N, C-alpha and C. Protein backbone atom coordinates (compact mmCIF):
# COMPACT_ATOMS: atom_id res chain seq x y z
N PRO A 1 72.97 246.54 7.90
CA PRO A 1 73.68 245.91 9.01
C PRO A 1 73.70 244.38 8.83
N SER A 2 74.67 243.76 9.43
CA SER A 2 74.77 242.31 9.33
C SER A 2 73.81 241.64 10.32
N ILE A 3 73.58 240.37 10.09
CA ILE A 3 72.70 239.62 10.99
C ILE A 3 73.28 239.59 12.40
N LYS A 4 74.60 239.58 12.51
CA LYS A 4 75.24 239.55 13.82
C LYS A 4 74.93 240.84 14.60
N VAL A 5 75.01 241.97 13.93
CA VAL A 5 74.72 243.27 14.57
C VAL A 5 73.26 243.33 14.99
N VAL A 6 72.36 242.96 14.09
CA VAL A 6 70.92 243.02 14.39
C VAL A 6 70.57 242.08 15.55
N SER A 7 71.07 240.86 15.51
CA SER A 7 70.73 239.90 16.56
C SER A 7 71.30 240.32 17.91
N LEU A 8 72.52 240.83 17.93
CA LEU A 8 73.11 241.28 19.21
C LEU A 8 72.36 242.47 19.78
N LEU A 9 71.98 243.42 18.92
CA LEU A 9 71.22 244.57 19.38
C LEU A 9 69.89 244.14 20.00
N LEU A 10 69.18 243.26 19.30
CA LEU A 10 67.87 242.85 19.79
C LEU A 10 67.97 241.91 20.98
N GLU A 11 69.07 241.18 21.12
CA GLU A 11 69.27 240.37 22.31
C GLU A 11 69.32 241.26 23.54
N ARG A 12 70.03 242.38 23.42
CA ARG A 12 70.23 243.27 24.57
C ARG A 12 69.08 244.25 24.76
N TYR A 13 68.46 244.66 23.66
CA TYR A 13 67.40 245.66 23.73
C TYR A 13 66.30 245.32 22.72
N PRO A 14 65.44 244.34 23.06
CA PRO A 14 64.41 243.91 22.10
C PRO A 14 63.39 244.99 21.76
N LEU A 15 63.23 245.97 22.63
CA LEU A 15 62.28 247.05 22.32
C LEU A 15 62.78 247.96 21.21
N ALA A 16 64.06 247.82 20.83
CA ALA A 16 64.60 248.65 19.75
C ALA A 16 63.80 248.48 18.46
N VAL A 17 63.21 247.31 18.28
CA VAL A 17 62.45 247.05 17.05
C VAL A 17 61.18 247.91 16.98
N THR A 18 60.72 248.43 18.12
CA THR A 18 59.51 249.24 18.14
C THR A 18 59.82 250.75 18.23
N GLU A 19 61.10 251.11 18.42
CA GLU A 19 61.47 252.52 18.55
C GLU A 19 61.28 253.25 17.22
N GLU A 20 60.92 254.52 17.32
CA GLU A 20 60.70 255.34 16.12
C GLU A 20 61.74 256.46 16.05
N ASP A 21 62.13 256.80 14.84
CA ASP A 21 63.05 257.92 14.66
C ASP A 21 62.23 259.22 14.56
N GLY A 22 62.88 260.30 14.20
CA GLY A 22 62.21 261.60 14.11
C GLY A 22 61.08 261.65 13.10
N ASP A 23 61.11 260.76 12.11
CA ASP A 23 60.07 260.69 11.09
C ASP A 23 59.03 259.62 11.39
N SER A 24 59.02 259.11 12.61
CA SER A 24 58.10 258.05 13.06
C SER A 24 58.30 256.73 12.33
N ASN A 25 59.52 256.46 11.88
CA ASN A 25 59.84 255.19 11.23
C ASN A 25 60.48 254.25 12.23
N THR A 26 60.06 253.01 12.19
CA THR A 26 60.65 251.97 13.03
C THR A 26 61.73 251.24 12.23
N PRO A 27 62.53 250.41 12.88
CA PRO A 27 63.51 249.62 12.11
C PRO A 27 62.86 248.77 11.02
N LEU A 28 61.63 248.30 11.26
CA LEU A 28 60.93 247.54 10.22
C LEU A 28 60.60 248.42 9.01
N ASP A 29 60.19 249.65 9.28
CA ASP A 29 59.93 250.58 8.18
C ASP A 29 61.20 250.80 7.37
N TYR A 30 62.31 251.02 8.08
CA TYR A 30 63.59 251.22 7.40
C TYR A 30 63.96 249.98 6.59
N TRP A 31 63.79 248.81 7.18
CA TRP A 31 64.13 247.56 6.49
C TRP A 31 63.29 247.41 5.21
N ASN A 32 61.98 247.65 5.34
CA ASN A 32 61.10 247.50 4.17
C ASN A 32 61.44 248.50 3.07
N GLU A 33 61.89 249.68 3.45
CA GLU A 33 62.20 250.71 2.48
C GLU A 33 63.53 250.47 1.78
N HIS A 34 64.51 249.92 2.49
CA HIS A 34 65.86 249.83 1.95
C HIS A 34 66.33 248.43 1.57
N HIS A 35 65.53 247.40 1.86
CA HIS A 35 65.95 246.03 1.54
C HIS A 35 64.78 245.25 0.98
N SER A 36 65.10 244.33 0.14
CA SER A 36 64.06 243.40 -0.29
C SER A 36 64.09 242.23 0.68
N PRO A 37 62.97 241.54 0.87
CA PRO A 37 62.96 240.41 1.81
C PRO A 37 63.99 239.34 1.46
N GLU A 38 64.34 239.26 0.18
CA GLU A 38 65.32 238.26 -0.23
C GLU A 38 66.74 238.66 0.16
N HIS A 39 66.96 239.95 0.50
CA HIS A 39 68.31 240.42 0.82
C HIS A 39 68.92 239.57 1.92
N ASP A 40 68.23 239.43 2.98
CA ASP A 40 68.66 238.52 4.04
C ASP A 40 67.42 238.12 4.81
N GLU A 41 66.91 236.96 4.48
CA GLU A 41 65.68 236.48 5.11
C GLU A 41 65.83 236.31 6.61
N ASN A 42 67.04 235.99 7.07
CA ASN A 42 67.24 235.79 8.51
C ASN A 42 67.06 237.08 9.29
N ILE A 43 67.54 238.20 8.75
CA ILE A 43 67.34 239.49 9.43
C ILE A 43 65.86 239.82 9.46
N ALA A 44 65.15 239.60 8.35
CA ALA A 44 63.72 239.86 8.32
C ALA A 44 62.99 238.97 9.33
N THR A 45 63.39 237.71 9.44
CA THR A 45 62.78 236.78 10.41
C THR A 45 62.96 237.31 11.82
N ILE A 46 64.16 237.78 12.14
CA ILE A 46 64.43 238.31 13.48
C ILE A 46 63.61 239.57 13.75
N LEU A 47 63.64 240.52 12.82
CA LEU A 47 62.92 241.78 13.03
C LEU A 47 61.42 241.56 13.19
N TYR A 48 60.84 240.81 12.26
CA TYR A 48 59.39 240.59 12.32
C TYR A 48 59.01 239.72 13.52
N GLY A 49 59.85 238.74 13.84
CA GLY A 49 59.55 237.87 14.99
C GLY A 49 59.52 238.64 16.29
N ILE A 50 60.55 239.42 16.55
CA ILE A 50 60.61 240.20 17.80
C ILE A 50 59.49 241.23 17.84
N GLU A 51 59.24 241.88 16.70
CA GLU A 51 58.15 242.88 16.67
C GLU A 51 56.81 242.22 16.99
N ASN A 52 56.54 241.06 16.44
CA ASN A 52 55.28 240.37 16.71
C ASN A 52 55.16 239.91 18.16
N LEU A 53 56.26 239.52 18.77
CA LEU A 53 56.23 239.08 20.17
C LEU A 53 55.85 240.21 21.13
N HIS A 54 55.94 241.45 20.67
CA HIS A 54 55.55 242.59 21.51
C HIS A 54 54.04 242.86 21.46
N HIS A 55 53.30 242.18 20.61
CA HIS A 55 51.86 242.39 20.53
C HIS A 55 51.16 241.69 21.70
N ASP A 56 50.26 242.41 22.35
CA ASP A 56 49.56 241.86 23.51
C ASP A 56 48.60 240.73 23.14
N ASN A 57 48.01 240.79 21.98
CA ASN A 57 47.00 239.80 21.60
C ASN A 57 47.54 238.78 20.60
N LEU A 58 48.81 238.46 20.71
CA LEU A 58 49.43 237.51 19.80
C LEU A 58 48.88 236.10 20.02
N ASP A 59 48.50 235.47 18.94
CA ASP A 59 47.99 234.10 19.01
C ASP A 59 49.13 233.16 19.40
N PRO A 60 48.89 232.22 20.33
CA PRO A 60 49.95 231.30 20.76
C PRO A 60 50.57 230.51 19.61
N SER A 61 49.78 230.18 18.59
CA SER A 61 50.35 229.43 17.47
C SER A 61 51.36 230.27 16.69
N ILE A 62 51.15 231.58 16.64
CA ILE A 62 52.10 232.47 15.97
C ILE A 62 53.39 232.54 16.78
N ALA A 63 53.26 232.63 18.11
CA ALA A 63 54.45 232.66 18.97
C ALA A 63 55.27 231.38 18.80
N LEU A 64 54.59 230.26 18.71
CA LEU A 64 55.28 228.99 18.52
C LEU A 64 55.97 228.96 17.15
N LEU A 65 55.32 229.49 16.14
CA LEU A 65 55.91 229.57 14.80
C LEU A 65 57.17 230.44 14.82
N ILE A 66 57.12 231.54 15.55
CA ILE A 66 58.29 232.43 15.66
C ILE A 66 59.45 231.68 16.31
N ILE A 67 59.17 230.93 17.36
CA ILE A 67 60.22 230.15 18.02
C ILE A 67 60.82 229.13 17.05
N LYS A 68 59.96 228.46 16.29
CA LYS A 68 60.46 227.48 15.31
C LYS A 68 61.34 228.15 14.26
N GLU A 69 60.96 229.35 13.81
CA GLU A 69 61.77 230.08 12.83
C GLU A 69 63.12 230.47 13.43
N PHE A 70 63.12 230.94 14.68
CA PHE A 70 64.38 231.29 15.35
C PHE A 70 65.27 230.05 15.48
N MET A 71 64.67 228.91 15.80
CA MET A 71 65.44 227.68 15.90
C MET A 71 65.98 227.28 14.52
N HIS A 72 65.18 227.47 13.49
CA HIS A 72 65.59 227.11 12.13
C HIS A 72 66.82 227.91 11.68
N ILE A 73 66.86 229.20 12.04
CA ILE A 73 68.02 230.01 11.65
C ILE A 73 69.15 229.91 12.67
N GLY A 74 68.93 229.17 13.74
CA GLY A 74 69.99 228.95 14.73
C GLY A 74 70.17 230.08 15.72
N TRP A 75 69.14 230.89 15.93
CA TRP A 75 69.23 232.02 16.86
C TRP A 75 68.62 231.62 18.20
N LEU A 76 69.41 230.92 19.04
CA LEU A 76 68.91 230.45 20.33
C LEU A 76 68.61 231.61 21.28
N ALA A 77 69.35 232.70 21.16
CA ALA A 77 69.05 233.87 21.98
C ALA A 77 67.65 234.39 21.67
N GLY A 78 67.23 234.25 20.42
CA GLY A 78 65.88 234.66 20.04
C GLY A 78 64.83 233.74 20.64
N VAL A 79 65.14 232.46 20.72
CA VAL A 79 64.23 231.51 21.38
C VAL A 79 64.06 231.92 22.84
N ALA A 80 65.18 232.23 23.50
CA ALA A 80 65.12 232.66 24.90
C ALA A 80 64.33 233.96 25.03
N LEU A 81 64.54 234.89 24.10
CA LEU A 81 63.79 236.15 24.13
C LEU A 81 62.29 235.90 23.99
N ALA A 82 61.93 234.94 23.14
CA ALA A 82 60.51 234.62 22.96
C ALA A 82 59.90 234.16 24.27
N PHE A 83 60.63 233.34 25.01
CA PHE A 83 60.13 232.90 26.31
C PHE A 83 60.03 234.07 27.29
N ASP A 84 60.97 235.01 27.22
CA ASP A 84 60.93 236.18 28.11
C ASP A 84 59.81 237.14 27.73
N LEU A 85 59.57 237.33 26.43
CA LEU A 85 58.61 238.33 25.97
C LEU A 85 57.17 237.84 25.92
N TYR A 86 57.00 236.54 25.73
CA TYR A 86 55.65 236.03 25.53
C TYR A 86 55.32 234.99 26.60
N PRO A 87 54.28 235.23 27.39
CA PRO A 87 53.89 234.26 28.42
C PRO A 87 53.18 233.07 27.79
N PHE A 88 53.90 231.97 27.63
CA PHE A 88 53.33 230.81 26.95
C PHE A 88 52.26 230.15 27.80
N PRO A 89 51.14 229.80 27.16
CA PRO A 89 50.08 229.10 27.88
C PRO A 89 50.56 227.73 28.37
N VAL A 90 49.95 227.28 29.45
CA VAL A 90 50.31 226.01 30.06
C VAL A 90 50.23 224.88 29.04
N GLU A 91 49.20 224.91 28.18
CA GLU A 91 49.02 223.83 27.21
C GLU A 91 50.24 223.69 26.30
N MET A 92 50.83 224.83 25.92
CA MET A 92 52.00 224.78 25.05
C MET A 92 53.20 224.20 25.78
N LEU A 93 53.36 224.57 27.04
CA LEU A 93 54.49 224.05 27.81
C LEU A 93 54.34 222.56 28.07
N LYS A 94 53.10 222.11 28.23
CA LYS A 94 52.87 220.69 28.48
C LYS A 94 53.14 219.85 27.23
N SER A 95 53.14 220.48 26.07
CA SER A 95 53.38 219.73 24.84
C SER A 95 54.87 219.50 24.57
N ILE A 96 55.72 220.12 25.38
CA ILE A 96 57.16 219.92 25.22
C ILE A 96 57.51 218.54 25.77
N PRO A 97 58.12 217.69 24.96
CA PRO A 97 58.43 216.34 25.43
C PRO A 97 59.42 216.36 26.59
N MET A 98 59.26 215.40 27.49
CA MET A 98 60.13 215.32 28.67
C MET A 98 61.61 215.23 28.26
N SER A 99 61.89 214.58 27.14
CA SER A 99 63.28 214.43 26.70
C SER A 99 63.92 215.78 26.31
N ALA A 100 63.10 216.78 25.99
CA ALA A 100 63.62 218.08 25.60
C ALA A 100 63.75 219.04 26.79
N ILE A 101 63.18 218.69 27.92
CA ILE A 101 63.17 219.58 29.09
C ILE A 101 64.57 219.93 29.58
N PRO A 102 65.51 218.98 29.72
CA PRO A 102 66.85 219.37 30.20
C PRO A 102 67.52 220.42 29.31
N THR A 103 67.40 220.26 28.00
CA THR A 103 67.99 221.24 27.08
C THR A 103 67.30 222.58 27.22
N LEU A 104 65.97 222.55 27.32
CA LEU A 104 65.20 223.79 27.48
C LEU A 104 65.61 224.51 28.76
N LEU A 105 65.67 223.78 29.88
CA LEU A 105 66.02 224.41 31.16
C LEU A 105 67.45 224.95 31.13
N SER A 106 68.35 224.23 30.49
CA SER A 106 69.73 224.71 30.37
C SER A 106 69.78 226.02 29.61
N MET A 107 69.06 226.09 28.48
CA MET A 107 69.04 227.30 27.68
C MET A 107 68.37 228.44 28.45
N LEU A 108 67.26 228.15 29.11
CA LEU A 108 66.57 229.19 29.87
C LEU A 108 67.45 229.71 31.00
N GLY A 109 68.17 228.80 31.66
CA GLY A 109 69.03 229.20 32.77
C GLY A 109 70.18 230.10 32.33
N ARG A 110 70.68 229.88 31.13
CA ARG A 110 71.79 230.68 30.62
C ARG A 110 71.35 231.98 29.96
N ARG A 111 70.17 231.99 29.36
CA ARG A 111 69.82 233.12 28.50
C ARG A 111 68.58 233.91 28.91
N CYS A 112 67.76 233.37 29.80
CA CYS A 112 66.49 234.04 30.13
C CYS A 112 66.54 234.67 31.52
N LYS A 113 65.52 235.47 31.76
CA LYS A 113 65.32 235.99 33.10
C LYS A 113 65.00 234.82 34.02
N LYS A 114 65.41 234.92 35.25
CA LYS A 114 65.16 233.84 36.22
C LYS A 114 63.65 233.62 36.40
N LEU A 115 62.87 234.69 36.31
CA LEU A 115 61.42 234.56 36.43
C LEU A 115 60.84 233.69 35.32
N THR A 116 61.41 233.79 34.12
CA THR A 116 60.94 232.96 33.01
C THR A 116 61.16 231.49 33.32
N MET A 117 62.36 231.17 33.79
CA MET A 117 62.67 229.78 34.14
C MET A 117 61.76 229.30 35.27
N TRP A 118 61.55 230.15 36.24
CA TRP A 118 60.68 229.81 37.37
C TRP A 118 59.26 229.51 36.88
N ASN A 119 58.74 230.32 35.97
CA ASN A 119 57.39 230.09 35.44
C ASN A 119 57.28 228.77 34.69
N VAL A 120 58.33 228.41 33.95
CA VAL A 120 58.31 227.12 33.25
C VAL A 120 58.28 225.98 34.25
N ILE A 121 59.08 226.09 35.31
CA ILE A 121 59.11 225.03 36.33
C ILE A 121 57.77 224.94 37.04
N ILE A 122 57.15 226.07 37.33
CA ILE A 122 55.83 226.06 37.98
C ILE A 122 54.81 225.36 37.10
N GLU A 123 54.85 225.65 35.80
CA GLU A 123 53.87 225.06 34.88
C GLU A 123 54.16 223.60 34.55
N ARG A 124 55.40 223.18 34.71
CA ARG A 124 55.78 221.80 34.40
C ARG A 124 56.36 221.13 35.65
N GLN A 125 55.57 221.08 36.72
CA GLN A 125 56.04 220.48 37.96
C GLN A 125 56.33 219.00 37.83
N ASP A 126 55.82 218.37 36.77
CA ASP A 126 56.10 216.96 36.55
C ASP A 126 57.58 216.70 36.32
N ILE A 127 58.33 217.71 35.94
CA ILE A 127 59.77 217.51 35.72
C ILE A 127 60.53 217.34 37.04
N LEU A 128 59.89 217.70 38.14
CA LEU A 128 60.54 217.58 39.44
C LEU A 128 60.28 216.24 40.11
N LYS A 129 59.44 215.42 39.51
CA LYS A 129 59.13 214.10 40.07
C LYS A 129 60.36 213.20 40.02
N ILE A 130 60.52 212.45 41.08
CA ILE A 130 61.58 211.45 41.12
C ILE A 130 60.92 210.08 41.08
N ASN A 131 61.30 209.29 40.10
CA ASN A 131 60.71 207.94 39.97
C ASN A 131 61.45 206.94 40.79
């Protein structure tokens, strides 16, 4: 499948990456069996990134790395998904520079669940200050 098909599917149904077929194979198993990582690194980045974001004990630094990879390949919907799927610690949200907040809120407002945007605003109440 093309990167467009994979990204659109996972945008709408991110749990698809964890679904198993009749032989207990996931999309990652199929990808590993039928493609080399060099075939399309962007598809591998998307599949592995979304699959890792579903882990309950994911290290925050790994989640941040996944977001950076999604940004590198230009998949903003994946960045939004990362915010929806992974509850970022307050420390990570506080490290976002104030100059990037308007862009972040715009993207979250268009692509994320409203609860995700609300949680970011709760954790970064300094953005509501009027000087």
